[in-house]
């Protein structure tokens, strides 16, 4: 539970910074960024796997690039559910989703080093 909360907190900081930098993404305050990150993690856990399964032929045909479209759709769905978070267009959502994924993975790689390395060092 602590790991999930930390990941949501890191994501909310990234959401807040990206909304400040990128045109077309508007957020009211940091509390809204926390809500956006929490709803985004729930959508990623529930809706995204279903969308990936349903669009598997398109994902295979585009060599995985259709996953960016799914990410943008999840961002737009998050925009629909969270008041105070606004995404102007699909293209803004696509850019926001790609940058958010990049920065989240960068921070999570630093904050949560590979646990397999720790297990192998202990043996």
N, C-alpha and C. Protein backbone atom coordinates (compact mmCIF):
# COMPACT_ATOMS: atom_id res chain seq x y z
N UNK A 1 0.83 -1.19 0.00
CA UNK A 1 0.00 0.00 0.00
C UNK A 1 0.87 1.26 0.00
N UNK A 2 1.96 1.23 0.75
CA UNK A 2 2.85 2.39 0.78
C UNK A 2 3.51 2.60 -0.58
N UNK A 3 3.87 1.51 -1.24
CA UNK A 3 4.50 1.60 -2.55
C UNK A 3 3.53 2.21 -3.56
N UNK A 4 2.26 1.79 -3.51
CA UNK A 4 1.25 2.35 -4.42
C UNK A 4 1.06 3.83 -4.15
N UNK A 5 0.98 4.21 -2.87
CA UNK A 5 0.79 5.62 -2.52
C UNK A 5 1.98 6.45 -2.98
N UNK A 6 3.18 5.92 -2.82
CA UNK A 6 4.37 6.65 -3.26
C UNK A 6 4.35 6.82 -4.78
N UNK A 7 3.97 5.77 -5.50
CA UNK A 7 3.90 5.86 -6.96
C UNK A 7 2.85 6.87 -7.41
N UNK A 8 1.72 6.91 -6.72
CA UNK A 8 0.68 7.90 -7.04
C UNK A 8 1.19 9.30 -6.75
N UNK A 9 1.92 9.47 -5.66
CA UNK A 9 2.47 10.78 -5.31
C UNK A 9 3.49 11.25 -6.35
N UNK A 10 4.36 10.34 -6.77
CA UNK A 10 5.34 10.68 -7.82
C UNK A 10 4.62 11.02 -9.12
N UNK A 11 3.63 10.24 -9.47
CA UNK A 11 2.86 10.51 -10.69
C UNK A 11 2.14 11.85 -10.60
N UNK A 12 1.63 12.18 -9.42
CA UNK A 12 0.92 13.46 -9.28
C UNK A 12 1.88 14.64 -9.42
N UNK A 13 3.10 14.50 -8.93
CA UNK A 13 4.10 15.56 -9.14
C UNK A 13 4.41 15.71 -10.63
N UNK A 14 4.56 14.57 -11.32
CA UNK A 14 4.82 14.63 -12.76
C UNK A 14 3.64 15.21 -13.53
N UNK A 15 2.42 14.85 -13.12
CA UNK A 15 1.22 15.40 -13.76
C UNK A 15 1.18 16.91 -13.57
N UNK A 16 1.46 17.37 -12.36
CA UNK A 16 1.41 18.80 -12.06
C UNK A 16 2.46 19.57 -12.87
N UNK A 17 3.67 19.03 -12.96
CA UNK A 17 4.74 19.70 -13.70
C UNK A 17 4.43 19.71 -15.20
N UNK A 18 3.98 18.57 -15.73
CA UNK A 18 3.67 18.52 -17.16
C UNK A 18 2.49 19.41 -17.52
N UNK A 19 1.51 19.51 -16.63
CA UNK A 19 0.38 20.40 -16.90
C UNK A 19 0.82 21.86 -16.90
N UNK A 20 1.82 22.17 -16.12
CA UNK A 20 2.34 23.53 -16.10
C UNK A 20 3.13 23.84 -17.36
N UNK A 21 3.87 22.84 -17.87
CA UNK A 21 4.76 23.05 -19.02
C UNK A 21 4.01 22.95 -20.35
N UNK A 22 3.17 21.92 -20.49
CA UNK A 22 2.54 21.65 -21.79
C UNK A 22 1.32 22.53 -22.03
N UNK A 23 1.22 23.09 -23.23
CA UNK A 23 -0.03 23.78 -23.57
C UNK A 23 -1.11 22.74 -23.86
N UNK A 24 -2.33 23.08 -23.56
CA UNK A 24 -3.44 22.17 -23.83
C UNK A 24 -3.78 21.26 -22.66
N UNK A 25 -2.98 21.27 -21.60
CA UNK A 25 -3.24 20.51 -20.39
C UNK A 25 -3.38 21.51 -19.26
N UNK A 26 -4.53 21.48 -18.61
CA UNK A 26 -4.78 22.43 -17.51
C UNK A 26 -5.20 21.67 -16.26
N UNK A 27 -4.65 22.10 -15.14
CA UNK A 27 -4.98 21.48 -13.86
C UNK A 27 -5.14 22.60 -12.84
N UNK A 28 -6.09 22.42 -11.93
CA UNK A 28 -6.42 23.49 -10.99
C UNK A 28 -5.37 23.63 -9.90
N UNK A 29 -5.07 22.55 -9.19
CA UNK A 29 -4.12 22.61 -8.09
C UNK A 29 -3.47 21.24 -7.88
N UNK A 30 -2.59 21.16 -6.88
CA UNK A 30 -1.86 19.92 -6.65
C UNK A 30 -2.78 18.81 -6.14
N UNK A 31 -3.80 19.16 -5.37
CA UNK A 31 -4.74 18.14 -4.89
C UNK A 31 -5.45 17.48 -6.07
N UNK A 32 -5.78 18.26 -7.08
CA UNK A 32 -6.38 17.70 -8.29
C UNK A 32 -5.39 16.78 -9.00
N UNK A 33 -4.11 17.13 -8.97
CA UNK A 33 -3.09 16.27 -9.56
C UNK A 33 -3.02 14.92 -8.85
N UNK A 34 -3.19 14.93 -7.52
CA UNK A 34 -3.20 13.67 -6.77
C UNK A 34 -4.41 12.83 -7.18
N UNK A 35 -5.56 13.47 -7.33
CA UNK A 35 -6.76 12.75 -7.76
C UNK A 35 -6.58 12.20 -9.18
N UNK A 36 -5.99 13.01 -10.06
CA UNK A 36 -5.73 12.56 -11.43
C UNK A 36 -4.83 11.34 -11.43
N UNK A 37 -3.78 11.36 -10.62
CA UNK A 37 -2.85 10.23 -10.56
C UNK A 37 -3.53 8.98 -9.99
N UNK A 38 -4.36 9.15 -8.98
CA UNK A 38 -5.06 8.00 -8.38
C UNK A 38 -6.06 7.39 -9.37
N UNK A 39 -6.84 8.23 -10.04
CA UNK A 39 -7.80 7.74 -11.03
C UNK A 39 -7.06 7.11 -12.21
N UNK A 40 -5.94 7.70 -12.59
CA UNK A 40 -5.14 7.15 -13.69
C UNK A 40 -4.61 5.76 -13.32
N UNK A 41 -4.19 5.57 -12.09
CA UNK A 41 -3.70 4.24 -11.70
C UNK A 41 -4.83 3.22 -11.68
N UNK A 42 -6.03 3.64 -11.28
CA UNK A 42 -7.17 2.73 -11.31
C UNK A 42 -7.58 2.38 -12.74
N UNK A 43 -7.58 3.38 -13.61
CA UNK A 43 -7.91 3.13 -15.02
C UNK A 43 -6.86 2.24 -15.68
N UNK A 44 -5.59 2.45 -15.32
CA UNK A 44 -4.53 1.60 -15.86
C UNK A 44 -4.66 0.16 -15.39
N UNK A 45 -5.19 -0.03 -14.18
CA UNK A 45 -5.32 -1.38 -13.65
C UNK A 45 -6.56 -2.10 -14.16
N UNK A 46 -7.63 -1.37 -14.45
CA UNK A 46 -8.91 -2.00 -14.80
C UNK A 46 -9.22 -1.90 -16.30
N UNK A 47 -9.21 -0.69 -16.83
CA UNK A 47 -9.67 -0.46 -18.20
C UNK A 47 -8.59 -0.77 -19.24
N UNK A 48 -7.36 -0.40 -18.95
CA UNK A 48 -6.29 -0.55 -19.93
C UNK A 48 -6.07 -2.01 -20.37
N UNK A 49 -6.04 -2.98 -19.46
CA UNK A 49 -5.88 -4.37 -19.93
C UNK A 49 -7.02 -4.83 -20.85
N UNK A 50 -8.23 -4.38 -20.57
CA UNK A 50 -9.36 -4.73 -21.44
C UNK A 50 -9.19 -4.12 -22.83
N UNK A 51 -8.76 -2.86 -22.87
CA UNK A 51 -8.55 -2.20 -24.16
C UNK A 51 -7.42 -2.86 -24.94
N UNK A 52 -6.39 -3.28 -24.23
CA UNK A 52 -5.27 -3.94 -24.91
C UNK A 52 -5.73 -5.26 -25.54
N UNK A 53 -6.52 -6.01 -24.81
CA UNK A 53 -7.03 -7.28 -25.35
C UNK A 53 -7.95 -7.05 -26.54
N UNK A 54 -8.85 -6.05 -26.43
CA UNK A 54 -9.80 -5.79 -27.50
C UNK A 54 -9.13 -5.25 -28.76
N UNK A 55 -8.03 -4.55 -28.60
CA UNK A 55 -7.36 -3.94 -29.75
C UNK A 55 -6.06 -4.66 -30.11
N UNK A 56 -5.94 -5.91 -29.72
CA UNK A 56 -4.72 -6.66 -29.98
C UNK A 56 -4.35 -6.73 -31.47
N UNK A 57 -5.31 -6.96 -32.38
CA UNK A 57 -4.92 -6.97 -33.80
C UNK A 57 -4.34 -5.64 -34.27
N UNK A 58 -4.91 -4.52 -33.84
CA UNK A 58 -4.37 -3.21 -34.23
C UNK A 58 -3.00 -2.99 -33.61
N UNK A 59 -2.80 -3.45 -32.39
CA UNK A 59 -1.51 -3.30 -31.73
C UNK A 59 -0.44 -4.12 -32.44
N UNK A 60 -0.79 -5.33 -32.84
CA UNK A 60 0.17 -6.17 -33.56
C UNK A 60 0.47 -5.58 -34.94
N UNK A 61 -0.57 -5.11 -35.62
CA UNK A 61 -0.40 -4.55 -36.96
C UNK A 61 0.49 -3.29 -36.94
N UNK A 62 0.39 -2.49 -35.88
CA UNK A 62 1.19 -1.27 -35.79
C UNK A 62 2.48 -1.48 -35.00
N UNK A 63 2.80 -2.73 -34.71
CA UNK A 63 4.02 -3.08 -33.98
C UNK A 63 4.08 -2.41 -32.60
N UNK A 64 2.94 -2.32 -31.96
CA UNK A 64 2.87 -1.79 -30.60
C UNK A 64 2.61 -0.31 -30.48
N UNK A 65 2.63 0.40 -31.58
CA UNK A 65 2.43 1.85 -31.52
C UNK A 65 1.00 2.22 -31.13
N UNK A 66 0.06 1.31 -31.31
CA UNK A 66 -1.32 1.59 -30.94
C UNK A 66 -1.46 1.72 -29.42
N UNK A 67 -0.48 1.24 -28.67
CA UNK A 67 -0.52 1.41 -27.21
C UNK A 67 -0.47 2.89 -26.82
N UNK A 68 0.17 3.72 -27.64
CA UNK A 68 0.16 5.16 -27.40
C UNK A 68 -1.26 5.72 -27.52
N UNK A 69 -2.02 5.21 -28.47
CA UNK A 69 -3.41 5.62 -28.65
C UNK A 69 -4.24 5.20 -27.43
N UNK A 70 -3.98 4.00 -26.93
CA UNK A 70 -4.69 3.53 -25.73
C UNK A 70 -4.35 4.41 -24.54
N UNK A 71 -3.07 4.77 -24.39
CA UNK A 71 -2.67 5.68 -23.31
C UNK A 71 -3.38 7.03 -23.42
N UNK A 72 -3.47 7.55 -24.63
CA UNK A 72 -4.16 8.83 -24.83
C UNK A 72 -5.65 8.70 -24.49
N UNK A 73 -6.24 7.57 -24.85
CA UNK A 73 -7.64 7.35 -24.49
C UNK A 73 -7.85 7.27 -22.99
N UNK A 74 -6.92 6.66 -22.28
CA UNK A 74 -7.00 6.59 -20.82
C UNK A 74 -6.87 8.00 -20.23
N UNK A 75 -5.99 8.82 -20.78
CA UNK A 75 -5.84 10.21 -20.31
C UNK A 75 -7.13 10.99 -20.55
N UNK A 76 -7.75 10.80 -21.71
CA UNK A 76 -9.02 11.49 -22.00
C UNK A 76 -10.14 10.99 -21.09
N UNK A 77 -10.12 9.72 -20.76
CA UNK A 77 -11.10 9.17 -19.81
C UNK A 77 -10.89 9.76 -18.42
N UNK A 78 -9.65 9.94 -18.05
CA UNK A 78 -9.31 10.58 -16.77
C UNK A 78 -9.81 12.03 -16.77
N UNK A 79 -9.66 12.70 -17.90
CA UNK A 79 -10.17 14.07 -18.04
C UNK A 79 -11.69 14.11 -17.84
N UNK A 80 -12.38 13.10 -18.32
CA UNK A 80 -13.83 13.02 -18.19
C UNK A 80 -14.25 12.86 -16.73
N UNK A 81 -13.52 12.05 -15.97
CA UNK A 81 -13.91 11.75 -14.60
C UNK A 81 -13.47 12.79 -13.57
N UNK A 82 -12.37 13.46 -13.81
CA UNK A 82 -11.81 14.37 -12.79
C UNK A 82 -12.10 15.82 -13.19
N UNK A 83 -12.84 16.50 -12.34
CA UNK A 83 -13.11 17.93 -12.56
C UNK A 83 -11.88 18.71 -12.10
N UNK A 84 -11.52 19.72 -12.88
CA UNK A 84 -10.33 20.49 -12.58
C UNK A 84 -9.13 20.03 -13.39
N UNK A 85 -9.31 19.00 -14.19
CA UNK A 85 -8.26 18.51 -15.09
C UNK A 85 -8.83 18.56 -16.50
N UNK A 86 -8.14 19.28 -17.38
CA UNK A 86 -8.67 19.46 -18.74
C UNK A 86 -7.59 19.17 -19.76
N UNK A 87 -7.95 18.35 -20.73
CA UNK A 87 -7.08 18.04 -21.87
C UNK A 87 -7.82 18.53 -23.11
N UNK A 88 -7.19 19.39 -23.88
CA UNK A 88 -7.88 20.05 -24.99
C UNK A 88 -8.15 19.14 -26.18
N UNK A 89 -7.24 18.22 -26.49
CA UNK A 89 -7.44 17.40 -27.68
C UNK A 89 -6.77 16.04 -27.51
N UNK A 90 -7.04 15.18 -28.48
CA UNK A 90 -6.42 13.87 -28.49
C UNK A 90 -4.90 13.98 -28.59
N UNK A 91 -4.41 14.92 -29.40
CA UNK A 91 -2.96 15.06 -29.61
C UNK A 91 -2.27 15.55 -28.34
N UNK A 92 -2.94 16.42 -27.61
CA UNK A 92 -2.39 16.85 -26.32
C UNK A 92 -2.34 15.67 -25.35
N UNK A 93 -3.37 14.84 -25.38
CA UNK A 93 -3.40 13.66 -24.52
C UNK A 93 -2.31 12.67 -24.91
N UNK A 94 -2.06 12.53 -26.22
CA UNK A 94 -1.02 11.62 -26.70
C UNK A 94 0.36 12.08 -26.22
N UNK A 95 0.65 13.36 -26.36
CA UNK A 95 1.93 13.90 -25.91
C UNK A 95 2.06 13.82 -24.39
N UNK A 96 1.00 14.19 -23.69
CA UNK A 96 1.00 14.15 -22.23
C UNK A 96 1.20 12.72 -21.72
N UNK A 97 0.51 11.75 -22.32
CA UNK A 97 0.65 10.36 -21.90
C UNK A 97 2.04 9.82 -22.15
N UNK A 98 2.63 10.16 -23.29
CA UNK A 98 3.98 9.68 -23.61
C UNK A 98 5.01 10.28 -22.64
N UNK A 99 4.92 11.58 -22.40
CA UNK A 99 5.86 12.22 -21.48
C UNK A 99 5.65 11.76 -20.04
N UNK A 100 4.40 11.58 -19.64
CA UNK A 100 4.12 11.11 -18.29
C UNK A 100 4.67 9.70 -18.08
N UNK A 101 4.51 8.84 -19.05
CA UNK A 101 5.06 7.48 -18.96
C UNK A 101 6.57 7.51 -18.87
N UNK A 102 7.19 8.36 -19.67
CA UNK A 102 8.65 8.47 -19.65
C UNK A 102 9.15 8.95 -18.29
N UNK A 103 8.57 10.03 -17.78
CA UNK A 103 9.05 10.58 -16.51
C UNK A 103 8.72 9.68 -15.33
N UNK A 104 7.55 9.03 -15.37
CA UNK A 104 7.22 8.09 -14.29
C UNK A 104 8.20 6.92 -14.27
N UNK A 105 8.52 6.38 -15.44
CA UNK A 105 9.45 5.25 -15.48
C UNK A 105 10.85 5.68 -15.05
N UNK A 106 11.24 6.88 -15.40
CA UNK A 106 12.54 7.40 -15.00
C UNK A 106 12.64 7.54 -13.47
N UNK A 107 11.62 8.10 -12.86
CA UNK A 107 11.64 8.29 -11.41
C UNK A 107 11.48 6.95 -10.69
N UNK A 108 10.61 6.09 -11.18
CA UNK A 108 10.41 4.79 -10.53
C UNK A 108 11.64 3.91 -10.63
N UNK A 109 12.40 4.05 -11.70
CA UNK A 109 13.63 3.27 -11.85
C UNK A 109 14.64 3.69 -10.79
N UNK A 110 14.67 4.96 -10.46
CA UNK A 110 15.58 5.46 -9.42
C UNK A 110 15.07 5.13 -8.02
N UNK A 111 13.75 5.28 -7.82
CA UNK A 111 13.19 5.09 -6.48
C UNK A 111 13.04 3.62 -6.10
N UNK A 112 12.74 2.77 -7.08
CA UNK A 112 12.56 1.35 -6.83
C UNK A 112 13.56 0.57 -7.68
N UNK A 113 14.79 0.42 -7.21
CA UNK A 113 15.76 -0.35 -8.00
C UNK A 113 15.30 -1.79 -8.15
N UNK A 114 15.81 -2.45 -9.13
CA UNK A 114 15.40 -3.82 -9.44
C UNK A 114 15.57 -4.71 -8.22
N UNK A 115 14.47 -5.33 -7.79
CA UNK A 115 14.50 -6.16 -6.59
C UNK A 115 15.26 -7.45 -6.82
N UNK A 116 15.38 -7.89 -8.07
CA UNK A 116 16.12 -9.12 -8.37
C UNK A 116 17.59 -8.95 -8.03
N UNK A 117 18.12 -7.75 -8.24
CA UNK A 117 19.51 -7.50 -7.90
C UNK A 117 19.72 -7.64 -6.39
N UNK A 118 18.77 -7.12 -5.62
CA UNK A 118 18.88 -7.21 -4.16
C UNK A 118 18.78 -8.65 -3.69
N UNK A 119 17.93 -9.47 -4.30
CA UNK A 119 17.78 -10.86 -3.92
C UNK A 119 19.04 -11.64 -4.25
N UNK A 120 19.62 -11.40 -5.44
CA UNK A 120 20.83 -12.11 -5.84
C UNK A 120 22.03 -11.74 -4.98
N UNK A 121 22.09 -10.50 -4.52
CA UNK A 121 23.21 -10.09 -3.68
C UNK A 121 23.11 -10.72 -2.30
N UNK A 122 21.91 -11.00 -1.83
CA UNK A 122 21.73 -11.59 -0.51
C UNK A 122 22.02 -13.07 -0.47
N UNK A 123 22.09 -13.74 -1.61
CA UNK A 123 22.30 -15.20 -1.63
C UNK A 123 23.75 -15.55 -1.69
